[in-house]
Amino acid sequence: MTVTAVEPKLVSADELLAMGDIGRCELLYGELVMMSPAGLEHGVVALRFGSHLLIHVEANDLGICPAAETGYKIESNPDLVRAPDASFIRKARLTGPITKKFFAGVPDLAVEVVSPDDTKREVAEKVNMWLANGTQVVWVADPKPMTTVIHRVGQKPVVLGVNDEIRDEPLLPGFVLPLSKVFKLP
């Protein structure tokens, strides 16, 4: 008896979009990866980052801040579509109308909030993937130790605690975010 391995059918970014709301997922080189819904702590921290970014970006006409789980089509054939927890795209990169498709490329700034089941390796892979494909800065927020690590290509990561603030971000002139506002409890 001969056993034949069956290759899974790869899904394209357009096919994923056509599926409609199938739940949280990403497309990793054509393979659909389903994800559990985020927990409350994760959701609160992600929205706080996103809302502070949005307020500053809109007040200064710098670009757009898509909602969490917005898909970015990073690579093709097979397709890679990832979704950060918060993000920012500079105005200069918005060359046409906003479409229903995934954004073609990466955000200029990506925020990833660590979930309880994320491994250090998985988080590092996401950071490396964003930076390798052109994202200028990645903020990794970890709710448990209340830290945010700022990653840039060719630079050592900068670790900030709950009593620190994000400031002097070249992409966001004048932006200041005390991390106590992100990690505070009700």
Foldseek 3Di string as FASTA:
>chain_A
DDDDDDDDQFAAQVNVLVVPPPAQWWHALRDIGHDDDADPLQLLLLVLVQVLVQVLCVVVVFFHKDAFRQWEFQDVNPTGIDTASIAAAGPVPCDDDDDSGGHHFAGLEGEHEDGPPDDPVNVVVVQCSRQVRHRAWYWYAYQPQQWIWIDGPPDDIDIDHQQAWDDPDPSRDPRIGRSVSSNPDD
